[in-house]
C-alpha atoms as a PDB file:
ATOM      1  CA  MET A   1     -25.427  -3.305 -17.524  1.00  0.00           C
ATOM      2  CA  SER A   2     -27.501  -0.530 -15.908  1.00  0.00           C
ATOM      3  CA  ASN A   3     -28.346   2.714 -17.666  1.00  0.00           C
ATOM      4  CA  GLU A   4     -26.259   4.567 -15.089  1.00  0.00           C
ATOM      5  CA  THR A   5     -23.230   2.402 -15.880  1.00  0.00           C
ATOM      6  CA  GLU A   6     -23.718   3.139 -19.586  1.00  0.00           C
ATOM      7  CA  ASP A   7     -23.904   6.853 -18.762  1.00  0.00           C
ATOM      8  CA  PHE A   8     -20.678   6.604 -16.753  1.00  0.00           C
ATOM      9  CA  GLU A   9     -18.891   4.908 -19.617  1.00  0.00           C
ATOM     10  CA  GLN A  10     -20.193   7.412 -22.154  1.00  0.00           C
ATOM     11  CA  THR A  11     -18.994  10.273 -19.945  1.00  0.00           C
ATOM     12  CA  TYR A  12     -15.618   8.577 -19.551  1.00  0.00           C
ATOM     13  CA  GLU A  13     -15.235   8.206 -23.304  1.00  0.00           C
ATOM     14  CA  ALA A  14     -16.282  11.814 -23.894  1.00  0.00           C
ATOM     15  CA  LEU A  15     -13.669  12.982 -21.386  1.00  0.00           C
ATOM     16  CA  GLU A  16     -11.098  10.734 -23.025  1.00  0.00           C
ATOM     17  CA  THR A  17     -11.546  12.501 -26.367  1.00  0.00           C
ATOM     18  CA  GLU A  18     -10.676  15.748 -24.563  1.00  0.00           C
ATOM     19  CA  ASN A  19      -7.700  14.209 -22.708  1.00  0.00           C
ATOM     20  CA  PHE A  20      -9.527  14.316 -19.361  1.00  0.00           C
ATOM     21  CA  PRO A  21      -9.519  18.066 -18.506  1.00  0.00           C
ATOM     22  CA  ASP A  22      -8.975  18.452 -14.761  1.00  0.00           C
ATOM     23  CA  GLY A  23     -12.135  20.347 -13.889  1.00  0.00           C
ATOM     24  CA  ARG A  24     -14.517  17.954 -15.634  1.00  0.00           C
ATOM     25  CA  ARG A  25     -12.558  14.921 -14.441  1.00  0.00           C
ATOM     26  CA  ILE A  26     -12.823  16.074 -10.818  1.00  0.00           C
ATOM     27  CA  ARG A  27     -16.577  16.652 -11.178  1.00  0.00           C
ATOM     28  CA  PHE A  28     -16.917  13.192 -12.712  1.00  0.00           C
ATOM     29  CA  ILE A  29     -15.034  11.634  -9.785  1.00  0.00           C
ATOM     30  CA  ALA A  30     -17.459  13.338  -7.380  1.00  0.00           C
ATOM     31  CA  GLU A  31     -20.450  12.073  -9.367  1.00  0.00           C
ATOM     32  CA  LEU A  32     -19.130   8.520  -9.260  1.00  0.00           C
ATOM     33  CA  GLY A  33     -18.729   8.671  -5.489  1.00  0.00           C
ATOM     34  CA  ALA A  34     -22.214  10.112  -5.009  1.00  0.00           C
ATOM     35  CA  SER A  35     -23.828   7.431  -7.158  1.00  0.00           C
ATOM     36  CA  SER A  36     -25.446   4.301  -5.708  1.00  0.00           C
ATOM     37  CA  ASN A  37     -24.028   2.299  -8.624  1.00  0.00           C
ATOM     38  CA  ILE A  38     -20.977   0.861  -6.889  1.00  0.00           C
ATOM     39  CA  GLU A  39     -20.361  -1.771  -9.543  1.00  0.00           C
ATOM     40  CA  GLY A  40     -20.398   0.816 -12.329  1.00  0.00           C
ATOM     41  CA  HIS A  41     -17.920   2.971 -10.436  1.00  0.00           C
ATOM     42  CA  PHE A  42     -15.640  -0.001  -9.837  1.00  0.00           C
ATOM     43  CA  ARG A  43     -15.857  -1.090 -13.474  1.00  0.00           C
ATOM     44  CA  LEU A  44     -14.448   2.265 -14.563  1.00  0.00           C
ATOM     45  CA  ILE A  45     -11.725   2.128 -11.911  1.00  0.00           C
ATOM     46  CA  CYS A  46     -10.648  -1.258 -13.275  1.00  0.00           C
ATOM     47  CA  ARG A  47     -10.618   0.215 -16.767  1.00  0.00           C
ATOM     48  CA  THR A  48      -8.172   2.922 -15.692  1.00  0.00           C
ATOM     49  CA  TRP A  49      -5.964   0.312 -14.008  1.00  0.00           C
ATOM     50  CA  LYS A  50      -5.933  -1.789 -17.162  1.00  0.00           C
ATOM     51  CA  GLU A  51      -5.230   1.222 -19.374  1.00  0.00           C
ATOM     52  CA  GLU A  52      -2.611   2.471 -16.865  1.00  0.00           C
ATOM     53  CA  LYS A  53      -4.242   5.904 -16.621  1.00  0.00           C
ATOM     54  CA  ASN A  54      -3.728   7.718 -13.335  1.00  0.00           C
ATOM     55  CA  LEU A  55      -7.112   9.467 -13.287  1.00  0.00           C
ATOM     56  CA  ARG A  56      -7.819   8.781  -9.583  1.00  0.00           C
ATOM     57  CA  LEU A  57     -11.408   7.692 -10.213  1.00  0.00           C
ATOM     58  CA  GLU A  58     -10.976   5.539  -7.081  1.00  0.00           C
ATOM     59  CA  SER A  59     -10.442   8.604  -4.873  1.00  0.00           C
ATOM     60  CA  SER A  60     -14.197   8.954  -4.248  1.00  0.00           C
ATOM     61  CA  PHE A  61     -14.912   5.246  -3.719  1.00  0.00           C
ATOM     62  CA  ASP A  62     -14.816   5.724   0.059  1.00  0.00           C
ATOM     63  CA  ARG A  63     -18.068   7.697  -0.253  1.00  0.00           C
ATOM     64  CA  HIS A  64     -19.869   4.392  -0.800  1.00  0.00           C
ATOM     65  CA  GLY A  65     -19.257   3.667   2.899  1.00  0.00           C
ATOM     66  CA  GLU A  66     -19.475   0.177   4.346  1.00  0.00           C
ATOM     67  CA  GLU A  67     -21.418  -1.032   1.329  1.00  0.00           C
ATOM     68  CA  GLY A  68     -18.412  -0.177  -0.829  1.00  0.00           C
ATOM     69  CA  ILE A  69     -16.054  -1.959   1.573  1.00  0.00           C
ATOM     70  CA  ARG A  70     -18.170  -5.094   1.493  1.00  0.00           C
ATOM     71  CA  PHE A  71     -18.304  -4.898  -2.308  1.00  0.00           C
ATOM     72  CA  LEU A  72     -14.509  -4.825  -2.587  1.00  0.00           C
ATOM     73  CA  LEU A  73     -14.109  -7.700  -0.123  1.00  0.00           C
ATOM     74  CA  GLU A  74     -16.555  -9.787  -2.147  1.00  0.00           C
ATOM     75  CA  ARG A  75     -14.588  -9.049  -5.318  1.00  0.00           C
ATOM     76  CA  LEU A  76     -11.479 -10.368  -3.590  1.00  0.00           C
ATOM     77  CA  ARG A  77     -13.300 -13.502  -2.411  1.00  0.00           C
ATOM     78  CA  GLN A  78     -14.323 -14.218  -5.990  1.00  0.00           C
ATOM     79  CA  THR A  79     -10.725 -14.044  -7.224  1.00  0.00           C
ATOM     80  CA  GLU A  80      -8.897 -17.364  -7.389  1.00  0.00           C
ATOM     81  CA  ILE A  81      -5.154 -16.877  -6.970  1.00  0.00           C
ATOM     82  CA  THR A  82      -3.214 -20.073  -7.567  1.00  0.00           C
ATOM     83  CA  ASP A  83       0.427 -20.780  -6.713  1.00  0.00           C
ATOM     84  CA  ALA A  84       1.152 -20.753 -10.442  1.00  0.00           C
ATOM     85  CA  LEU A  85      -0.184 -17.191 -10.756  1.00  0.00           C
ATOM     86  CA  LEU A  86       1.950 -16.049  -7.833  1.00  0.00           C
ATOM     87  CA  GLN A  87       5.057 -17.617  -9.321  1.00  0.00           C
ATOM     88  CA  ARG A  88       4.812 -15.649 -12.568  1.00  0.00           C
ATOM     89  CA  GLU A  89       7.322 -12.794 -12.680  1.00  0.00           C
ATOM     90  CA  GLU A  90       4.897 -10.822 -14.874  1.00  0.00           C
ATOM     91  CA  ALA A  91       1.488 -10.926 -13.249  1.00  0.00           C
ATOM     92  CA  SER A  92      -1.759 -11.702 -15.052  1.00  0.00           C
ATOM     93  CA  GLU A  93      -4.397  -8.985 -15.484  1.00  0.00           C
ATOM     94  CA  ASP A  94      -6.702 -10.718 -12.995  1.00  0.00           C
ATOM     95  CA  PHE A  95      -4.025 -10.865 -10.328  1.00  0.00           C
ATOM     96  CA  ARG A  96      -2.966  -7.280 -10.942  1.00  0.00           C
ATOM     97  CA  GLU A  97      -6.595  -6.197 -10.541  1.00  0.00           C
ATOM     98  CA  ALA A  98      -6.865  -8.183  -7.293  1.00  0.00           C
ATOM     99  CA  VAL A  99      -3.770  -6.495  -5.819  1.00  0.00           C
ATOM    100  CA  PHE A 100      -4.986  -3.044  -6.854  1.00  0.00           C
ATOM    101  CA  THR A 101      -8.415  -3.837  -5.345  1.00  0.00           C
ATOM    102  CA  ALA A 102      -6.830  -4.886  -2.052  1.00  0.00           C
ATOM    103  CA  TYR A 103      -4.674  -1.752  -2.063  1.00  0.00           C
ATOM    104  CA  LEU A 104      -7.719   0.466  -2.688  1.00  0.00           C
ATOM    105  CA  LEU A 105      -9.592  -1.216   0.147  1.00  0.00           C
ATOM    106  CA  THR A 106      -6.608  -0.715   2.452  1.00  0.00           C
ATOM    107  CA  GLU A 107      -6.490   2.988   1.599  1.00  0.00           C
ATOM    108  CA  ILE A 108     -10.188   3.326   2.415  1.00  0.00           C
ATOM    109  CA  LEU A 109      -9.816   1.480   5.722  1.00  0.00           C
ATOM    110  CA  SER A 110      -6.793   3.600   6.661  1.00  0.00           C
ATOM    111  CA  GLN A 111      -8.774   6.776   6.044  1.00  0.00           C
ATOM    112  CA  GLY A 112     -11.482   5.429   8.374  1.00  0.00           C
ATOM    113  CA  ARG A 113      -9.165   3.924  10.980  1.00  0.00           C
ATOM    114  CA  HIS A 114     -11.011   5.667  13.814  1.00  0.00           C
ATOM    115  CA  ARG A 115     -14.303   4.018  12.850  1.00  0.00           C
ATOM    116  CA  SER A 116     -15.563   1.034  14.804  1.00  0.00           C
ATOM    117  CA  TYR A 117     -15.523  -1.270  11.768  1.00  0.00           C
ATOM    118  CA  TYR A 118     -11.835  -0.661  10.939  1.00  0.00           C
ATOM    119  CA  PRO A 119     -10.335  -3.583  12.965  1.00  0.00           C
ATOM    120  CA  SER A 120     -12.820  -6.217  11.784  1.00  0.00           C
ATOM    121  CA  TYR A 121     -12.559  -5.330   8.082  1.00  0.00           C
ATOM    122  CA  SER A 122      -8.776  -5.136   8.419  1.00  0.00           C
ATOM    123  CA  GLU A 123      -8.743  -8.690   9.745  1.00  0.00           C
ATOM    124  CA  GLU A 124     -10.851  -9.832   6.796  1.00  0.00           C
ATOM    125  CA  LEU A 125      -8.493  -8.180   4.330  1.00  0.00           C
ATOM    126  CA  LEU A 126      -5.199  -9.320   5.889  1.00  0.00           C
ATOM    127  CA  PRO A 127      -5.219 -12.908   4.526  1.00  0.00           C
ATOM    128  CA  PHE A 128      -5.536 -11.596   0.977  1.00  0.00           C
ATOM    129  CA  LEU A 129      -2.609  -9.190   1.313  1.00  0.00           C
ATOM    130  CA  LEU A 130      -0.407 -11.798   2.986  1.00  0.00           C
ATOM    131  CA  ARG A 131      -1.228 -14.269   0.223  1.00  0.00           C
ATOM    132  CA  PHE A 132      -0.650 -11.688  -2.524  1.00  0.00           C
ATOM    133  CA  SER A 133       2.690 -10.752  -0.935  1.00  0.00           C
ATOM    134  CA  GLU A 134       4.023 -14.110  -2.097  1.00  0.00           C
ATOM    135  CA  THR A 135       4.000 -12.907  -5.706  1.00  0.00           C
ATOM    136  CA  GLU A 136       7.192 -12.938  -7.748  1.00  0.00           C
ATOM    137  CA  ASP A 137       6.141  -9.634  -9.353  1.00  0.00           C
ATOM    138  CA  ASP A 138       8.297  -7.081  -7.520  1.00  0.00           C
ATOM    139  CA  PHE A 139       6.033  -4.078  -8.185  1.00  0.00           C
ATOM    140  CA  LEU A 140       2.901  -5.817  -6.926  1.00  0.00           C
ATOM    141  CA  ARG A 141       4.765  -7.212  -3.909  1.00  0.00           C
ATOM    142  CA  GLU A 142       5.788  -3.627  -3.088  1.00  0.00           C
ATOM    143  CA  LYS A 143       2.150  -2.521  -3.133  1.00  0.00           C
ATOM    144  CA  CYS A 144       1.166  -5.350  -0.808  1.00  0.00           C
ATOM    145  CA  LEU A 145       3.948  -4.566   1.653  1.00  0.00           C
ATOM    146  CA  ILE A 146       3.040  -0.869   1.694  1.00  0.00           C
ATOM    147  CA  ALA A 147      -0.624  -1.722   2.271  1.00  0.00           C
ATOM    148  CA  LEU A 148       0.177  -4.008   5.195  1.00  0.00           C
ATOM    149  CA  GLY A 149       1.476  -1.036   7.156  1.00  0.00           C
ATOM    150  CA  TRP A 150      -2.051   0.396   7.232  1.00  0.00           C
ATOM    151  CA  ILE A 151      -3.925  -2.655   8.495  1.00  0.00           C
ATOM    152  CA  ALA A 152      -1.479  -5.219   9.960  1.00  0.00           C
ATOM    153  CA  GLY A 153      -1.530  -6.219  13.619  1.00  0.00           C
ATOM    154  CA  GLU A 154       1.069  -7.457  16.087  1.00  0.00           C
ATOM    155  CA  ARG A 155       1.192 -10.972  14.658  1.00  0.00           C
ATOM    156  CA  GLU A 156       2.327  -9.617  11.268  1.00  0.00           C
ATOM    157  CA  ILE A 157       5.461  -8.004  12.750  1.00  0.00           C
ATOM    158  CA  PRO A 158       7.668 -11.086  12.109  1.00  0.00           C
ATOM    159  CA  PHE A 159       6.424 -11.288   8.527  1.00  0.00           C
ATOM    160  CA  LEU A 160       7.443  -7.677   7.818  1.00  0.00           C
ATOM    161  CA  THR A 161      10.763  -7.873   9.668  1.00  0.00           C
ATOM    162  CA  GLY A 162      11.509 -10.960   7.571  1.00  0.00           C
ATOM    163  CA  LYS A 163      10.731  -9.081   4.367  1.00  0.00           C
ATOM    164  CA  MET A 164      12.849  -6.140   5.529  1.00  0.00           C
ATOM    165  CA  ALA A 165      15.811  -8.466   5.996  1.00  0.00           C
ATOM    166  CA  GLU A 166      15.449 -10.999   3.233  1.00  0.00           C
ATOM    167  CA  ASP A 167      13.328  -9.864   0.283  1.00  0.00           C
ATOM    168  CA  ARG A 168      15.342 -10.035  -2.942  1.00  0.00           C
ATOM    169  CA  ASN A 169      14.140  -6.585  -4.044  1.00  0.00           C
ATOM    170  CA  ALA A 170      15.606  -3.471  -2.413  1.00  0.00           C
ATOM    171  CA  TYR A 171      12.387  -1.482  -2.655  1.00  0.00           C
ATOM    172  CA  CYS A 172      10.430  -4.309  -1.046  1.00  0.00           C
ATOM    173  CA  ARG A 173      12.914  -4.416   1.830  1.00  0.00           C
ATOM    174  CA  ALA A 174      12.596  -0.645   2.201  1.00  0.00           C
ATOM    175  CA  TRP A 175       8.779  -0.607   2.117  1.00  0.00           C
ATOM    176  CA  ALA A 176       8.619  -3.418   4.646  1.00  0.00           C
ATOM    177  CA  ALA A 177      10.628  -1.177   6.989  1.00  0.00           C
ATOM    178  CA  SER A 178       8.357   1.762   6.239  1.00  0.00           C
ATOM    179  CA  SER A 179       5.292  -0.371   6.929  1.00  0.00           C
ATOM    180  CA  LEU A 180       6.612  -1.369  10.339  1.00  0.00           C
ATOM    181  CA  MET A 181       6.766   2.339  11.138  1.00  0.00           C
ATOM    182  CA  GLN A 182       3.295   2.944   9.668  1.00  0.00           C
ATOM    183  CA  MET A 183       1.818   0.286  11.925  1.00  0.00           C
ATOM    184  CA  SER A 184       2.535   2.572  14.902  1.00  0.00           C
ATOM    185  CA  PHE A 185      -0.005   5.054  13.497  1.00  0.00           C
ATOM    186  CA  HIS A 186      -2.626   2.393  12.929  1.00  0.00           C
ATOM    187  CA  ARG A 187      -3.198  -0.885  14.784  1.00  0.00           C
ATOM    188  CA  VAL A 188      -0.050  -1.549  16.823  1.00  0.00           C
ATOM    189  CA  ASN A 189       1.187   0.208  19.955  1.00  0.00           C
ATOM    190  CA  ARG A 190       4.410   2.113  19.301  1.00  0.00           C
ATOM    191  CA  VAL A 191       6.159   0.711  22.388  1.00  0.00           C
ATOM    192  CA  ILE A 192       5.439  -2.854  21.302  1.00  0.00           C
ATOM    193  CA  LEU A 193       6.832  -2.125  17.844  1.00  0.00           C
ATOM    194  CA  GLN A 194       9.944  -0.524  19.323  1.00  0.00           C
ATOM    195  CA  GLU A 195      10.585  -3.530  21.557  1.00  0.00           C
ATOM    196  CA  GLU A 196       9.977  -6.145  18.877  1.00  0.00           C
ATOM    197  CA  THR A 197      11.758  -4.504  15.934  1.00  0.00           C
ATOM    198  CA  LYS A 198      14.783  -2.703  17.381  1.00  0.00           C
ATOM    199  CA  SER A 199      17.295  -5.500  16.719  1.00  0.00           C
ATOM    200  CA  ASP A 200      15.718  -6.227  13.322  1.00  0.00           C
ATOM    201  CA  PHE A 201      16.128  -2.614  12.240  1.00  0.00           C
ATOM    202  CA  ALA A 202      19.733  -2.663  13.434  1.00  0.00           C
ATOM    203  CA  LYS A 203      20.534  -5.777  11.432  1.00  0.00           C
ATOM    204  CA  ALA A 204      18.702  -4.617   8.285  1.00  0.00           C
ATOM    205  CA  ILE A 205      20.248  -1.128   8.319  1.00  0.00           C
ATOM    206  CA  GLU A 206      23.714  -2.543   8.907  1.00  0.00           C
ATOM    207  CA  GLU A 207      23.475  -5.081   6.089  1.00  0.00           C
ATOM    208  CA  GLU A 208      21.554  -3.084   3.450  1.00  0.00           C
ATOM    209  CA  LYS A 209      23.736  -2.414   0.400  1.00  0.00           C
ATOM    210  CA  ASP A 210      21.274  -0.327  -1.637  1.00  0.00           C
ATOM    211  CA  LEU A 211      21.741   3.336  -0.740  1.00  0.00           C
ATOM    212  CA  GLN A 212      18.131   4.440  -1.204  1.00  0.00           C
ATOM    213  CA  ALA A 213      16.718   1.423   0.604  1.00  0.00           C
ATOM    214  CA  SER A 214      19.138   2.054   3.454  1.00  0.00           C
ATOM    215  CA  GLY A 215      17.971   5.657   3.658  1.00  0.00           C
ATOM    216  CA  ILE A 216      14.300   4.650   3.740  1.00  0.00           C
ATOM    217  CA  MET A 217      15.005   2.138   6.508  1.00  0.00           C
ATOM    218  CA  ILE A 218      16.822   4.797   8.548  1.00  0.00           C
ATOM    219  CA  GLU A 219      13.964   7.248   8.015  1.00  0.00           C
ATOM    220  CA  ALA A 220      11.428   4.626   9.132  1.00  0.00           C
ATOM    221  CA  ALA A 221      13.452   3.763  12.221  1.00  0.00           C
ATOM    222  CA  GLN A 222      13.991   7.382  13.233  1.00  0.00           C
ATOM    223  CA  THR A 223      10.244   8.029  13.009  1.00  0.00           C
ATOM    224  CA  LEU A 224       9.403   4.926  15.016  1.00  0.00           C
ATOM    225  CA  PHE A 225      11.986   5.675  17.704  1.00  0.00           C
ATOM    226  CA  SER A 226      11.502   9.490  17.680  1.00  0.00           C
ATOM    227  CA  LYS A 227      15.058  10.270  16.536  1.00  0.00           C
ATOM    228  CA  LYS A 228      16.543  12.569  13.873  1.00  0.00           C
ATOM    229  CA  TRP A 229      19.442  11.011  12.019  1.00  0.00           C
ATOM    230  CA  LEU A 230      18.628  11.784   8.389  1.00  0.00           C
ATOM    231  CA  SER A 231      16.964  14.781   6.724  1.00  0.00           C
ATOM    232  CA  ALA A 232      14.282  14.347   4.080  1.00  0.00           C
ATOM    233  CA  SER A 233      16.365  16.422   1.652  1.00  0.00           C
ATOM    234  CA  ALA A 234      19.425  14.177   2.090  1.00  0.00           C
ATOM    235  CA  LEU A 235      17.296  11.097   1.484  1.00  0.00           C
ATOM    236  CA  GLU A 236      15.660  12.606  -1.586  1.00  0.00           C
ATOM    237  CA  ALA A 237      19.057  13.606  -2.988  1.00  0.00           C
ATOM    238  CA  GLU A 238      20.480  10.181  -2.114  1.00  0.00           C
ATOM    239  CA  ASP A 239      23.369  11.976  -0.415  1.00  0.00           C
ATOM    240  CA  GLU A 240      25.724   9.080   0.248  1.00  0.00           C
ATOM    241  CA  ALA A 241      27.809  10.866   2.874  1.00  0.00           C
ATOM    242  CA  GLN A 242      24.757  11.942   4.868  1.00  0.00           C
ATOM    243  CA  ILE A 243      23.084   8.546   4.605  1.00  0.00           C
ATOM    244  CA  GLU A 244      26.235   6.775   5.757  1.00  0.00           C
ATOM    245  CA  LYS A 245      26.610   9.224   8.659  1.00  0.00           C
ATOM    246  CA  ALA A 246      22.957   8.600   9.598  1.00  0.00           C
ATOM    247  CA  ARG A 247      23.520   4.835   9.333  1.00  0.00           C
ATOM    248  CA  ARG A 248      26.321   5.023  11.928  1.00  0.00           C
ATOM    249  CA  SER A 249      24.175   7.126  14.268  1.00  0.00           C
ATOM    250  CA  ALA A 250      21.210   4.795  13.890  1.00  0.00           C
ATOM    251  CA  LEU A 251      23.308   1.718  14.579  1.00  0.00           C
ATOM    252  CA  ARG A 252      24.815   3.230  17.718  1.00  0.00           C
ATOM    253  CA  PHE A 253      21.291   3.700  19.088  1.00  0.00           C
ATOM    254  CA  LEU A 254      19.696   0.525  17.784  1.00  0.00           C
ATOM    255  CA  ALA A 255      22.544  -1.721  18.941  1.00  0.00           C
ATOM    256  CA  LYS A 256      22.172  -0.638  22.590  1.00  0.00           C
END
């Protein structure tokens, strides 16, 4: 372990005794991002994931540039995810770390989506997210489906429409719909998405029984198709009457 890593950990522990005061925590995050010690930075990020502390130490990891991206990809390559691990309803620590690593990398790539390296690194990351999406852990599957919206290409459309229609978890169905919309801001032409998902959105919205998931699907569809059926306030309040009214409006359009 390098001296800088030891310094990072000592600073972390000193901040912990003070319950991580915002000002010093923010300065520490900046110092981590400015450091050349990528491994030390990542080690502390993993510690916060394990301890379930939302300190956002990862928010400066993008400052490591392409070297940081390559580091995260190599971490994923070193992680062996077996079918048995995916089939566990409560994920192992190693698998949880792998999903969080992939999610972090997706966030970084999304922030740099106008950079020339964005498509190639997205293609390298996609197989990991698609594999991780097979997990039985609903929360981790949600994270994978959300992340796919930021890096997926045209060939992943059927995968996400399938999840929107058939995933056993309502939130996963909803986030698959949201990711289809997100793809229009990233790697997939909006017109192509509209043509290939219109009937899928119609079917999913018509059949969805969970009120909140239905609302999220409607919101995703109205953004993708430039419509206004449901207000953000009605969705947040889970206003059943407004969501059902929006469902009828959405289906009239989507069924055409």
